[in-house]
Protein backbone atom coordinates (compact mmCIF):
# COMPACT_ATOMS: atom_id res chain seq x y z
CA GLY A 1 41.54 -40.95 -4.96
CA PHE A 2 41.71 -37.46 -6.42
CA ASP A 3 42.75 -34.41 -4.33
CA LEU A 4 43.00 -30.70 -5.11
CA LEU A 5 45.89 -28.87 -3.44
CA ALA A 6 46.66 -25.23 -2.68
CA THR A 7 49.68 -23.86 -0.83
CA GLY A 8 51.24 -20.52 -0.05
CA GLU A 9 54.72 -19.80 1.23
CA LEU A 10 56.83 -16.82 2.18
CA GLU A 11 60.39 -17.17 0.83
CA TYR A 12 63.66 -15.44 1.61
CA GLY A 13 66.63 -15.68 -0.73
CA ARG A 14 70.16 -14.35 -0.60
CA LEU A 15 72.65 -14.39 -3.47
CA GLU A 16 76.36 -13.71 -3.11
CA ALA A 17 79.04 -13.71 -5.81
CA SER A 18 82.67 -12.69 -5.99
CA VAL A 19 85.31 -12.71 -8.71
CA GLY A 20 88.75 -11.55 -7.67
CA SER A 21 88.36 -8.29 -5.79
CA LEU A 22 84.80 -7.70 -7.06
CA SER A 23 81.83 -8.91 -5.03
CA ALA A 24 78.07 -8.44 -5.02
CA SER A 25 75.14 -9.62 -2.97
CA ASP A 26 71.38 -9.34 -3.09
CA SER A 27 68.51 -10.52 -0.91
CA GLU A 28 64.77 -10.51 -1.38
CA ILE A 29 61.52 -11.71 0.14
CA GLY A 30 58.85 -13.17 -2.11
CA ILE A 31 55.77 -15.35 -2.12
CA LEU A 32 55.06 -18.73 -3.65
CA LEU A 33 51.47 -19.66 -4.54
CA ARG A 34 50.71 -23.13 -5.89
CA GLY A 35 47.57 -24.86 -7.06
CA GLY A 36 47.50 -28.43 -8.22
CA ALA A 37 46.05 -31.88 -8.07
CA ARG A 38 47.15 -35.40 -7.25
CA TYR A 39 45.73 -38.78 -8.03
CA ALA A 40 46.45 -41.92 -6.01
CA PHE A 41 46.27 -44.95 -8.26
CA ASP A 42 46.57 -47.18 -5.19
CA ALA A 43 48.06 -46.98 -1.67
CA GLN A 44 51.62 -46.82 -3.04
CA PHE A 45 51.61 -44.92 -6.35
CA GLU A 46 50.43 -41.36 -7.07
CA ALA A 47 50.83 -38.74 -9.79
CA PHE A 48 50.72 -34.99 -9.18
CA GLY A 49 50.87 -31.72 -11.09
CA GLY A 50 50.19 -28.06 -10.76
CA LEU A 51 50.97 -24.45 -11.50
CA THR A 52 53.18 -22.29 -9.27
CA LEU A 53 53.73 -18.52 -9.13
CA ARG A 54 57.02 -17.57 -7.48
CA THR A 55 57.78 -13.84 -6.98
CA ILE A 56 61.25 -13.98 -5.42
CA PHE A 57 63.93 -12.17 -7.52
CA ASP A 58 62.09 -12.50 -10.87
CA SER A 59 58.43 -13.49 -11.03
CA ASP A 60 57.99 -16.84 -12.72
CA PHE A 61 55.17 -19.26 -13.47
CA VAL A 62 56.19 -22.92 -13.25
CA LEU A 63 54.23 -25.89 -14.57
CA ASP A 64 55.18 -29.04 -12.66
CA GLY A 65 54.33 -32.70 -12.55
CA GLY A 66 55.66 -35.94 -11.20
CA VAL A 67 55.13 -39.32 -9.65
CA ARG A 68 55.68 -40.69 -6.14
CA TYR A 69 56.04 -44.30 -5.03
CA GLN A 70 55.42 -45.02 -1.32
CA TYR A 71 57.91 -47.80 -0.54
CA SER A 72 56.87 -48.09 3.13
CA ASP A 73 54.89 -46.08 5.71
CA SER A 74 57.84 -43.74 6.21
CA LEU A 75 59.82 -43.91 2.92
CA ALA A 76 58.89 -42.72 -0.57
CA VAL A 77 60.78 -42.01 -3.80
CA GLN A 78 59.76 -39.25 -6.19
CA ALA A 79 60.55 -37.96 -9.68
CA SER A 80 59.33 -34.58 -10.91
CA LEU A 81 59.72 -32.11 -13.78
CA ASP A 82 59.37 -28.31 -13.46
CA LEU A 83 58.90 -26.22 -16.62
CA GLY A 84 59.45 -22.48 -16.11
CA ASP A 85 62.28 -20.06 -16.86
CA GLU A 86 64.49 -23.05 -16.10
CA THR A 87 63.64 -26.69 -16.69
CA VAL A 88 64.40 -28.83 -13.64
CA PHE A 89 64.22 -32.61 -13.35
CA SER A 90 64.36 -33.90 -9.78
CA LEU A 91 64.75 -37.31 -8.18
CA GLY A 92 64.25 -37.50 -4.45
CA VAL A 93 63.58 -39.52 -1.36
CA ARG A 94 61.04 -38.52 1.29
CA TYR A 95 61.25 -39.83 4.83
CA SER A 96 58.38 -39.24 7.28
CA LEU A 97 58.70 -39.77 11.02
């Protein structure tokens, strides 16, 4: 089936760096708003995609998409691609209790 998704999150980030005797740190609170869709081809395989606005540190729009395979009731594997200021390819495992 086809589902529309919307999420919102409050994020906190802290960056710290030091080189020799020099050091710097920064922290910020931001929001993450995401809208997207997913389509379940069957009980085990689904595709998803969406658009995300993240305001922490530097505001950024990210276009994302991926696939998920539900191996069992509690275990799934996932691959996704995020296209924004940085391009990120992710492989992951999801375990549900």
